[in-house]
Amino acid sequence: MKAKLVLALVVLAILLFPICPILLQSHAYAADKNAPADADLLNINTATAEQLKDLPGIGDAYSEKIIKGRPYARKDEFVQKKILPRATYEQIKYKIIAKQK
């Protein structure tokens, strides 16, 4: 009985092995498809105060601090330079980018 079960599992594994890369590839594509394109991201080095205020958690004071702290090499400098608290940064990190000229 155990031998038949092991044999059945081995046969099943052999049959499904060629399908695994296809399944994994389609899952990876779905994750990439949901990520915003660079064109959809707000460049924190060139954005106006009004554009920054459209981000969640960013008001007049934070938009002014962001502009005064420019230029940024990386978007995570908001937290390192104490421009924004981590909680606010976590809300906007997938909506911004720090492009260099």
PDB file of N, CA and C in Angstrom:
ATOM      1  N   MET A   1       0.822  -1.194   0.000  1.00  0.00           N
ATOM      2  CA  MET A   1       0.000   0.000   0.000  1.00  0.00           C
ATOM      3  C   MET A   1       0.867   1.260   0.000  1.00  0.00           C
ATOM      4  N   LYS A   2       1.894   1.297   0.896  1.00  0.00           N
ATOM      5  CA  LYS A   2       2.781   2.445   0.962  1.00  0.00           C
ATOM      6  C   LYS A   2       3.577   2.596  -0.330  1.00  0.00           C
ATOM      7  N   ALA A   3       3.982   1.486  -0.898  1.00  0.00           N
ATOM      8  CA  ALA A   3       4.763   1.534  -2.132  1.00  0.00           C
ATOM      9  C   ALA A   3       3.938   2.137  -3.260  1.00  0.00           C
ATOM     10  N   LYS A   4       2.646   1.791  -3.345  1.00  0.00           N
ATOM     11  CA  LYS A   4       1.774   2.342  -4.384  1.00  0.00           C
ATOM     12  C   LYS A   4       1.578   3.847  -4.176  1.00  0.00           C
ATOM     13  N   LEU A   5       1.460   4.261  -2.936  1.00  0.00           N
ATOM     14  CA  LEU A   5       1.282   5.669  -2.622  1.00  0.00           C
ATOM     15  C   LEU A   5       2.536   6.468  -2.994  1.00  0.00           C
ATOM     16  N   VAL A   6       3.693   5.926  -2.656  1.00  0.00           N
ATOM     17  CA  VAL A   6       4.954   6.587  -2.989  1.00  0.00           C
ATOM     18  C   VAL A   6       5.117   6.652  -4.502  1.00  0.00           C
ATOM     19  N   LEU A   7       4.808   5.567  -5.193  1.00  0.00           N
ATOM     20  CA  LEU A   7       4.904   5.536  -6.645  1.00  0.00           C
ATOM     21  C   LEU A   7       3.960   6.552  -7.273  1.00  0.00           C
ATOM     22  N   ALA A   8       2.749   6.658  -6.759  1.00  0.00           N
ATOM     23  CA  ALA A   8       1.784   7.622  -7.283  1.00  0.00           C
ATOM     24  C   ALA A   8       2.281   9.052  -7.075  1.00  0.00           C
ATOM     25  N   LEU A   9       2.865   9.354  -5.909  1.00  0.00           N
ATOM     26  CA  LEU A   9       3.395  10.691  -5.647  1.00  0.00           C
ATOM     27  C   LEU A   9       4.584  11.026  -6.547  1.00  0.00           C
ATOM     28  N   VAL A  10       5.441  10.035  -6.791  1.00  0.00           N
ATOM     29  CA  VAL A  10       6.584  10.244  -7.683  1.00  0.00           C
ATOM     30  C   VAL A  10       6.111  10.526  -9.101  1.00  0.00           C
ATOM     31  N   VAL A  11       5.161   9.757  -9.580  1.00  0.00           N
ATOM     32  CA  VAL A  11       4.620   9.963 -10.926  1.00  0.00           C
ATOM     33  C   VAL A  11       3.967  11.342 -11.023  1.00  0.00           C
ATOM     34  N   LEU A  12       3.220  11.717 -10.005  1.00  0.00           N
ATOM     35  CA  LEU A  12       2.568  13.027  -9.982  1.00  0.00           C
ATOM     36  C   LEU A  12       3.607  14.145 -10.001  1.00  0.00           C
ATOM     37  N   ALA A  13       4.666  13.999  -9.229  1.00  0.00           N
ATOM     38  CA  ALA A  13       5.725  15.002  -9.191  1.00  0.00           C
ATOM     39  C   ALA A  13       6.407  15.125 -10.550  1.00  0.00           C
ATOM     40  N   ILE A  14       6.643  14.001 -11.196  1.00  0.00           N
ATOM     41  CA  ILE A  14       7.288  14.014 -12.522  1.00  0.00           C
ATOM     42  C   ILE A  14       6.384  14.701 -13.541  1.00  0.00           C
ATOM     43  N   LEU A  15       5.099  14.474 -13.447  1.00  0.00           N
ATOM     44  CA  LEU A  15       4.170  15.084 -14.388  1.00  0.00           C
ATOM     45  C   LEU A  15       4.003  16.589 -14.145  1.00  0.00           C
ATOM     46  N   LEU A  16       4.049  17.011 -12.894  1.00  0.00           N
ATOM     47  CA  LEU A  16       3.843  18.422 -12.570  1.00  0.00           C
ATOM     48  C   LEU A  16       5.120  19.253 -12.622  1.00  0.00           C
ATOM     49  N   PHE A  17       6.273  18.627 -12.584  1.00  0.00           N
ATOM     50  CA  PHE A  17       7.537  19.362 -12.575  1.00  0.00           C
ATOM     51  C   PHE A  17       7.686  20.327 -13.743  1.00  0.00           C
ATOM     52  N   PRO A  18       7.361  19.937 -14.981  1.00  0.00           N
ATOM     53  CA  PRO A  18       7.506  20.882 -16.096  1.00  0.00           C
ATOM     54  C   PRO A  18       6.546  22.079 -16.006  1.00  0.00           C
ATOM     55  N   ILE A  19       5.477  21.969 -15.253  1.00  0.00           N
ATOM     56  CA  ILE A  19       4.493  23.046 -15.150  1.00  0.00           C
ATOM     57  C   ILE A  19       4.919  24.095 -14.122  1.00  0.00           C
ATOM     58  N   CYS A  20       5.761  23.745 -13.157  1.00  0.00           N
ATOM     59  CA  CYS A  20       6.149  24.662 -12.072  1.00  0.00           C
ATOM     60  C   CYS A  20       6.714  25.992 -12.573  1.00  0.00           C
ATOM     61  N   PRO A  21       7.654  26.023 -13.513  1.00  0.00           N
ATOM     62  CA  PRO A  21       8.162  27.321 -13.968  1.00  0.00           C
ATOM     63  C   PRO A  21       7.070  28.204 -14.589  1.00  0.00           C
ATOM     64  N   ILE A  22       6.127  27.590 -15.260  1.00  0.00           N
ATOM     65  CA  ILE A  22       5.038  28.345 -15.868  1.00  0.00           C
ATOM     66  C   ILE A  22       4.170  28.974 -14.786  1.00  0.00           C
ATOM     67  N   LEU A  23       3.868  28.228 -13.756  1.00  0.00           N
ATOM     68  CA  LEU A  23       3.062  28.752 -12.655  1.00  0.00           C
ATOM     69  C   LEU A  23       3.786  29.871 -11.927  1.00  0.00           C
ATOM     70  N   LEU A  24       5.061  29.699 -11.682  1.00  0.00           N
ATOM     71  CA  LEU A  24       5.840  30.718 -10.979  1.00  0.00           C
ATOM     72  C   LEU A  24       6.006  31.974 -11.824  1.00  0.00           C
ATOM     73  N   GLN A  25       6.188  31.810 -13.124  1.00  0.00           N
ATOM     74  CA  GLN A  25       6.364  32.945 -14.014  1.00  0.00           C
ATOM     75  C   GLN A  25       5.090  33.788 -14.079  1.00  0.00           C
ATOM     76  N   SER A  26       3.932  33.171 -14.149  1.00  0.00           N
ATOM     77  CA  SER A  26       2.696  33.938 -14.218  1.00  0.00           C
ATOM     78  C   SER A  26       2.444  34.681 -12.913  1.00  0.00           C
ATOM     79  N   HIS A  27       2.855  34.110 -11.777  1.00  0.00           N
ATOM     80  CA  HIS A  27       2.715  34.793 -10.492  1.00  0.00           C
ATOM     81  C   HIS A  27       3.639  36.010 -10.430  1.00  0.00           C
ATOM     82  N   ALA A  28       4.858  35.870 -10.914  1.00  0.00           N
ATOM     83  CA  ALA A  28       5.803  36.991 -10.911  1.00  0.00           C
ATOM     84  C   ALA A  28       5.302  38.105 -11.821  1.00  0.00           C
ATOM     85  N   TYR A  29       4.705  37.759 -12.932  1.00  0.00           N
ATOM     86  CA  TYR A  29       4.175  38.762 -13.849  1.00  0.00           C
ATOM     87  C   TYR A  29       3.041  39.537 -13.194  1.00  0.00           C
ATOM     88  N   ALA A  30       2.202  38.853 -12.442  1.00  0.00           N
ATOM     89  CA  ALA A  30       1.090  39.527 -11.766  1.00  0.00           C
ATOM     90  C   ALA A  30       1.608  40.526 -10.743  1.00  0.00           C
ATOM     91  N   ALA A  31       2.687  40.206 -10.047  1.00  0.00           N
ATOM     92  CA  ALA A  31       3.248  41.134  -9.067  1.00  0.00           C
ATOM     93  C   ALA A  31       3.818  42.361  -9.761  1.00  0.00           C
ATOM     94  N   ASP A  32       4.505  42.172 -10.892  1.00  0.00           N
ATOM     95  CA  ASP A  32       5.068  43.294 -11.633  1.00  0.00           C
ATOM     96  C   ASP A  32       3.971  44.161 -12.235  1.00  0.00           C
ATOM     97  N   LYS A  33       2.892  43.548 -12.648  1.00  0.00           N
ATOM     98  CA  LYS A  33       1.807  44.272 -13.288  1.00  0.00           C
ATOM     99  C   LYS A  33       1.143  45.242 -12.313  1.00  0.00           C
ATOM    100  N   ASN A  34       1.128  44.897 -11.021  1.00  0.00           N
ATOM    101  CA  ASN A  34       0.499  45.747 -10.018  1.00  0.00           C
ATOM    102  C   ASN A  34       1.412  46.879  -9.555  1.00  0.00           C
ATOM    103  N   ALA A  35       2.705  46.785  -9.794  1.00  0.00           N
ATOM    104  CA  ALA A  35       3.627  47.834  -9.380  1.00  0.00           C
ATOM    105  C   ALA A  35       3.462  49.048 -10.284  1.00  0.00           C
ATOM    106  N   PRO A  36       3.494  50.250  -9.704  1.00  0.00           N
ATOM    107  CA  PRO A  36       3.324  51.435 -10.538  1.00  0.00           C
ATOM    108  C   PRO A  36       4.520  51.636 -11.458  1.00  0.00           C
ATOM    109  N   ALA A  37       4.259  52.103 -12.656  1.00  0.00           N
ATOM    110  CA  ALA A  37       5.330  52.397 -13.599  1.00  0.00           C
ATOM    111  C   ALA A  37       6.008  53.688 -13.161  1.00  0.00           C
ATOM    112  N   ASP A  38       7.251  53.901 -13.609  1.00  0.00           N
ATOM    113  CA  ASP A  38       7.976  55.120 -13.250  1.00  0.00           C
ATOM    114  C   ASP A  38       7.194  56.372 -13.629  1.00  0.00           C
ATOM    115  N   ALA A  39       6.448  56.306 -14.707  1.00  0.00           N
ATOM    116  CA  ALA A  39       5.677  57.464 -15.152  1.00  0.00           C
ATOM    117  C   ALA A  39       4.575  57.817 -14.159  1.00  0.00           C
ATOM    118  N   ASP A  40       4.110  56.848 -13.387  1.00  0.00           N
ATOM    119  CA  ASP A  40       3.051  57.078 -12.400  1.00  0.00           C
ATOM    120  C   ASP A  40       3.594  57.598 -11.077  1.00  0.00           C
ATOM    121  N   LEU A  41       4.907  57.553 -10.885  1.00  0.00           N
ATOM    122  CA  LEU A  41       5.515  57.958  -9.624  1.00  0.00           C
ATOM    123  C   LEU A  41       5.826  59.454  -9.635  1.00  0.00           C
ATOM    124  N   LEU A  42       5.705  60.082  -8.474  1.00  0.00           N
ATOM    125  CA  LEU A  42       5.974  61.507  -8.329  1.00  0.00           C
ATOM    126  C   LEU A  42       7.454  61.697  -7.988  1.00  0.00           C
ATOM    127  N   ASN A  43       8.143  62.479  -8.796  1.00  0.00           N
ATOM    128  CA  ASN A  43       9.556  62.744  -8.568  1.00  0.00           C
ATOM    129  C   ASN A  43       9.682  63.769  -7.437  1.00  0.00           C
ATOM    130  N   ILE A  44      10.246  63.359  -6.321  1.00  0.00           N
ATOM    131  CA  ILE A  44      10.321  64.233  -5.153  1.00  0.00           C
ATOM    132  C   ILE A  44      11.330  65.358  -5.319  1.00  0.00           C
ATOM    133  N   ASN A  45      12.185  65.284  -6.320  1.00  0.00           N
ATOM    134  CA  ASN A  45      13.163  66.347  -6.561  1.00  0.00           C
ATOM    135  C   ASN A  45      12.613  67.469  -7.437  1.00  0.00           C
ATOM    136  N   THR A  46      11.501  67.235  -8.106  1.00  0.00           N
ATOM    137  CA  THR A  46      10.958  68.268  -8.996  1.00  0.00           C
ATOM    138  C   THR A  46       9.490  68.593  -8.727  1.00  0.00           C
ATOM    139  N   ALA A  47       8.841  67.864  -7.854  1.00  0.00           N
ATOM    140  CA  ALA A  47       7.408  68.057  -7.606  1.00  0.00           C
ATOM    141  C   ALA A  47       7.141  69.417  -6.964  1.00  0.00           C
ATOM    142  N   THR A  48       6.012  69.999  -7.329  1.00  0.00           N
ATOM    143  CA  THR A  48       5.593  71.257  -6.724  1.00  0.00           C
ATOM    144  C   THR A  48       4.983  70.979  -5.357  1.00  0.00           C
ATOM    145  N   ALA A  49       4.791  72.043  -4.578  1.00  0.00           N
ATOM    146  CA  ALA A  49       4.177  71.897  -3.259  1.00  0.00           C
ATOM    147  C   ALA A  49       2.773  71.319  -3.396  1.00  0.00           C
ATOM    148  N   GLU A  50       2.036  71.746  -4.409  1.00  0.00           N
ATOM    149  CA  GLU A  50       0.678  71.241  -4.625  1.00  0.00           C
ATOM    150  C   GLU A  50       0.680  69.747  -4.946  1.00  0.00           C
ATOM    151  N   GLN A  51       1.612  69.306  -5.777  1.00  0.00           N
ATOM    152  CA  GLN A  51       1.708  67.887  -6.112  1.00  0.00           C
ATOM    153  C   GLN A  51       2.060  67.068  -4.872  1.00  0.00           C
ATOM    154  N   LEU A  52       2.952  67.586  -4.043  1.00  0.00           N
ATOM    155  CA  LEU A  52       3.327  66.870  -2.824  1.00  0.00           C
ATOM    156  C   LEU A  52       2.152  66.776  -1.866  1.00  0.00           C
ATOM    157  N   LYS A  53       1.350  67.841  -1.778  1.00  0.00           N
ATOM    158  CA  LYS A  53       0.205  67.844  -0.862  1.00  0.00           C
ATOM    159  C   LYS A  53      -0.879  66.863  -1.295  1.00  0.00           C
ATOM    160  N   ASP A  54      -0.838  66.412  -2.530  1.00  0.00           N
ATOM    161  CA  ASP A  54      -1.796  65.405  -2.999  1.00  0.00           C
ATOM    162  C   ASP A  54      -1.478  64.014  -2.443  1.00  0.00           C
ATOM    163  N   LEU A  55      -0.274  63.831  -1.930  1.00  0.00           N
ATOM    164  CA  LEU A  55       0.116  62.542  -1.336  1.00  0.00           C
ATOM    165  C   LEU A  55      -0.533  62.390   0.037  1.00  0.00           C
ATOM    166  N   PRO A  56      -0.901  61.165   0.418  1.00  0.00           N
ATOM    167  CA  PRO A  56      -1.531  60.961   1.730  1.00  0.00           C
ATOM    168  C   PRO A  56      -0.582  61.325   2.875  1.00  0.00           C
ATOM    169  N   GLY A  57      -1.093  62.090   3.823  1.00  0.00           N
ATOM    170  CA  GLY A  57      -0.315  62.458   4.992  1.00  0.00           C
ATOM    171  C   GLY A  57       0.596  63.653   4.808  1.00  0.00           C
ATOM    172  N   ILE A  58       0.624  64.250   3.615  1.00  0.00           N
ATOM    173  CA  ILE A  58       1.490  65.388   3.332  1.00  0.00           C
ATOM    174  C   ILE A  58       0.634  66.648   3.255  1.00  0.00           C
ATOM    175  N   GLY A  59       0.953  67.598   4.104  1.00  0.00           N
ATOM    176  CA  GLY A  59       0.259  68.887   4.109  1.00  0.00           C
ATOM    177  C   GLY A  59       1.229  70.007   3.801  1.00  0.00           C
ATOM    178  N   ASP A  60       0.860  71.211   4.186  1.00  0.00           N
ATOM    179  CA  ASP A  60       1.705  72.384   3.911  1.00  0.00           C
ATOM    180  C   ASP A  60       3.089  72.264   4.558  1.00  0.00           C
ATOM    181  N   ALA A  61       3.114  71.892   5.826  1.00  0.00           N
ATOM    182  CA  ALA A  61       4.390  71.840   6.559  1.00  0.00           C
ATOM    183  C   ALA A  61       5.332  70.788   5.973  1.00  0.00           C
ATOM    184  N   TYR A  62       4.827  69.588   5.732  1.00  0.00           N
ATOM    185  CA  TYR A  62       5.684  68.526   5.186  1.00  0.00           C
ATOM    186  C   TYR A  62       6.122  68.843   3.753  1.00  0.00           C
ATOM    187  N   SER A  63       5.239  69.399   2.950  1.00  0.00           N
ATOM    188  CA  SER A  63       5.633  69.713   1.575  1.00  0.00           C
ATOM    189  C   SER A  63       6.740  70.763   1.580  1.00  0.00           C
ATOM    190  N   GLU A  64       6.670  71.729   2.505  1.00  0.00           N
ATOM    191  CA  GLU A  64       7.717  72.746   2.618  1.00  0.00           C
ATOM    192  C   GLU A  64       9.040  72.118   3.067  1.00  0.00           C
ATOM    193  N   LYS A  65       8.980  71.203   4.036  1.00  0.00           N
ATOM    194  CA  LYS A  65      10.195  70.521   4.499  1.00  0.00           C
ATOM    195  C   LYS A  65      10.813  69.683   3.388  1.00  0.00           C
ATOM    196  N   ILE A  66       9.975  69.023   2.595  1.00  0.00           N
ATOM    197  CA  ILE A  66      10.478  68.198   1.482  1.00  0.00           C
ATOM    198  C   ILE A  66      11.214  69.075   0.483  1.00  0.00           C
ATOM    199  N   ILE A  67      10.621  70.195   0.119  1.00  0.00           N
ATOM    200  CA  ILE A  67      11.229  71.087  -0.875  1.00  0.00           C
ATOM    201  C   ILE A  67      12.533  71.672  -0.337  1.00  0.00           C
ATOM    202  N   LYS A  68      12.576  72.063   0.931  1.00  0.00           N
ATOM    203  CA  LYS A  68      13.791  72.637   1.511  1.00  0.00           C
ATOM    204  C   LYS A  68      14.913  71.618   1.623  1.00  0.00           C
ATOM    205  N   GLY A  69      14.583  70.338   1.738  1.00  0.00           N
ATOM    206  CA  GLY A  69      15.589  69.293   1.894  1.00  0.00           C
ATOM    207  C   GLY A  69      16.173  68.766   0.597  1.00  0.00           C
ATOM    208  N   ARG A  70      15.750  69.286  -0.526  1.00  0.00           N
ATOM    209  CA  ARG A  70      16.231  68.800  -1.829  1.00  0.00           C
ATOM    210  C   ARG A  70      17.694  69.149  -2.026  1.00  0.00           C
ATOM    211  N   PRO A  71      18.397  68.377  -2.847  1.00  0.00           N
ATOM    212  CA  PRO A  71      17.988  67.201  -3.624  1.00  0.00           C
ATOM    213  C   PRO A  71      18.110  65.923  -2.791  1.00  0.00           C
ATOM    214  N   TYR A  72      17.384  64.913  -3.236  1.00  0.00           N
ATOM    215  CA  TYR A  72      17.398  63.595  -2.603  1.00  0.00           C
ATOM    216  C   TYR A  72      17.984  62.584  -3.576  1.00  0.00           C
ATOM    217  N   ALA A  73      18.914  61.783  -3.099  1.00  0.00           N
ATOM    218  CA  ALA A  73      19.481  60.710  -3.922  1.00  0.00           C
ATOM    219  C   ALA A  73      18.560  59.492  -3.894  1.00  0.00           C
ATOM    220  N   ARG A  74      17.909  59.278  -2.726  1.00  0.00           N
ATOM    221  CA  ARG A  74      16.999  58.146  -2.560  1.00  0.00           C
ATOM    222  C   ARG A  74      15.781  58.622  -1.792  1.00  0.00           C
ATOM    223  N   LYS A  75      14.663  57.983  -2.054  1.00  0.00           N
ATOM    224  CA  LYS A  75      13.433  58.399  -1.384  1.00  0.00           C
ATOM    225  C   LYS A  75      13.429  58.098   0.106  1.00  0.00           C
ATOM    226  N   ASP A  76      14.200  57.106   0.543  1.00  0.00           N
ATOM    227  CA  ASP A  76      14.215  56.782   1.969  1.00  0.00           C
ATOM    228  C   ASP A  76      14.969  57.824   2.802  1.00  0.00           C
ATOM    229  N   GLU A  77      15.557  58.824   2.150  1.00  0.00           N
ATOM    230  CA  GLU A  77      16.202  59.908   2.875  1.00  0.00           C
ATOM    231  C   GLU A  77      15.195  60.752   3.647  1.00  0.00           C
ATOM    232  N   PHE A  78      13.928  60.666   3.292  1.00  0.00           N
ATOM    233  CA  PHE A  78      12.898  61.380   4.047  1.00  0.00           C
ATOM    234  C   PHE A  78      12.962  61.003   5.527  1.00  0.00           C
ATOM    235  N   VAL A  79      13.143  59.734   5.797  1.00  0.00           N
ATOM    236  CA  VAL A  79      13.188  59.267   7.178  1.00  0.00           C
ATOM    237  C   VAL A  79      14.575  59.503   7.768  1.00  0.00           C
ATOM    238  N   GLN A  80      15.624  59.232   7.000  1.00  0.00           N
ATOM    239  CA  GLN A  80      16.990  59.409   7.496  1.00  0.00           C
ATOM    240  C   GLN A  80      17.273  60.854   7.877  1.00  0.00           C
ATOM    241  N   LYS A  81      16.801  61.803   7.066  1.00  0.00           N
ATOM    242  CA  LYS A  81      17.012  63.229   7.326  1.00  0.00           C
ATOM    243  C   LYS A  81      15.949  63.826   8.245  1.00  0.00           C
ATOM    244  N   LYS A  82      15.033  62.967   8.712  1.00  0.00           N
ATOM    245  CA  LYS A  82      13.941  63.379   9.602  1.00  0.00           C
ATOM    246  C   LYS A  82      13.043  64.445   8.971  1.00  0.00           C
ATOM    247  N   ILE A  83      12.811  64.286   7.666  1.00  0.00           N
ATOM    248  CA  ILE A  83      11.877  65.149   6.953  1.00  0.00           C
ATOM    249  C   ILE A  83      10.452  64.683   7.247  1.00  0.00           C
ATOM    250  N   LEU A  84      10.266  63.353   7.235  1.00  0.00           N
ATOM    251  CA  LEU A  84       8.959  62.747   7.497  1.00  0.00           C
ATOM    252  C   LEU A  84       9.090  61.660   8.559  1.00  0.00           C
ATOM    253  N   PRO A  85       8.042  61.435   9.335  1.00  0.00           N
ATOM    254  CA  PRO A  85       8.046  60.271  10.223  1.00  0.00           C
ATOM    255  C   PRO A  85       7.891  58.988   9.399  1.00  0.00           C
ATOM    256  N   ARG A  86       8.356  57.891   9.939  1.00  0.00           N
ATOM    257  CA  ARG A  86       8.319  56.613   9.217  1.00  0.00           C
ATOM    258  C   ARG A  86       6.898  56.255   8.779  1.00  0.00           C
ATOM    259  N   ALA A  87       5.901  56.489   9.623  1.00  0.00           N
ATOM    260  CA  ALA A  87       4.516  56.119   9.287  1.00  0.00           C
ATOM    261  C   ALA A  87       4.036  56.858   8.040  1.00  0.00           C
ATOM    262  N   THR A  88       4.370  58.124   7.930  1.00  0.00           N
ATOM    263  CA  THR A  88       3.973  58.896   6.749  1.00  0.00           C
ATOM    264  C   THR A  88       4.728  58.406   5.528  1.00  0.00           C
ATOM    265  N   TYR A  89       6.020  58.146   5.685  1.00  0.00           N
ATOM    266  CA  TYR A  89       6.817  57.620   4.580  1.00  0.00           C
ATOM    267  C   TYR A  89       6.256  56.292   4.078  1.00  0.00           C
ATOM    268  N   GLU A  90       5.853  55.420   4.986  1.00  0.00           N
ATOM    269  CA  GLU A  90       5.297  54.119   4.600  1.00  0.00           C
ATOM    270  C   GLU A  90       4.031  54.286   3.756  1.00  0.00           C
ATOM    271  N   GLN A  91       3.277  55.341   3.976  1.00  0.00           N
ATOM    272  CA  GLN A  91       2.053  55.577   3.197  1.00  0.00           C
ATOM    273  C   GLN A  91       2.357  55.999   1.761  1.00  0.00           C
ATOM    274  N   ILE A  92       3.500  56.662   1.538  1.00  0.00           N
ATOM    275  CA  ILE A  92       3.764  57.241   0.217  1.00  0.00           C
ATOM    276  C   ILE A  92       4.917  56.598  -0.546  1.00  0.00           C
ATOM    277  N   LYS A  93       5.643  55.681   0.068  1.00  0.00           N
ATOM    278  CA  LYS A  93       6.876  55.178  -0.553  1.00  0.00           C
ATOM    279  C   LYS A  93       6.666  54.504  -1.913  1.00  0.00           C
ATOM    280  N   TYR A  94       5.486  53.977  -2.169  1.00  0.00           N
ATOM    281  CA  TYR A  94       5.235  53.343  -3.469  1.00  0.00           C
ATOM    282  C   TYR A  94       4.656  54.322  -4.480  1.00  0.00           C
ATOM    283  N   LYS A  95       4.556  55.580  -4.098  1.00  0.00           N
ATOM    284  CA  LYS A  95       3.995  56.597  -4.986  1.00  0.00           C
ATOM    285  C   LYS A  95       5.034  57.633  -5.401  1.00  0.00           C
ATOM    286  N   ILE A  96       6.251  57.517  -4.874  1.00  0.00           N
ATOM    287  CA  ILE A  96       7.282  58.517  -5.141  1.00  0.00           C
ATOM    288  C   ILE A  96       8.547  57.878  -5.684  1.00  0.00           C
ATOM    289  N   ILE A  97       9.393  58.740  -6.273  1.00  0.00           N
ATOM    290  CA  ILE A  97      10.685  58.317  -6.780  1.00  0.00           C
ATOM    291  C   ILE A  97      11.629  59.511  -6.654  1.00  0.00           C
ATOM    292  N   ALA A  98      12.926  59.243  -6.494  1.00  0.00           N
ATOM    293  CA  ALA A  98      13.923  60.302  -6.420  1.00  0.00           C
ATOM    294  C   ALA A  98      14.804  60.196  -7.665  1.00  0.00           C
ATOM    295  N   LYS A  99      14.427  60.896  -8.712  1.00  0.00           N
ATOM    296  CA  LYS A  99      15.213  60.873  -9.947  1.00  0.00           C
ATOM    297  C   LYS A  99      16.283  61.938  -9.879  1.00  0.00           C
ATOM    298  N   GLN A 100      17.440  61.593 -10.423  1.00  0.00           N
ATOM    299  CA  GLN A 100      18.557  62.536 -10.501  1.00  0.00           C
ATOM    300  C   GLN A 100      18.569  63.187 -11.864  1.00  0.00           C
ATOM    301  N   LYS A 101      19.066  64.394 -11.942  1.00  0.00           N
ATOM    302  CA  LYS A 101      19.122  65.110 -13.232  1.00  0.00           C
ATOM    303  C   LYS A 101      20.185  64.566 -14.129  1.00  0.00           C
TER     304      LYS A 101
END
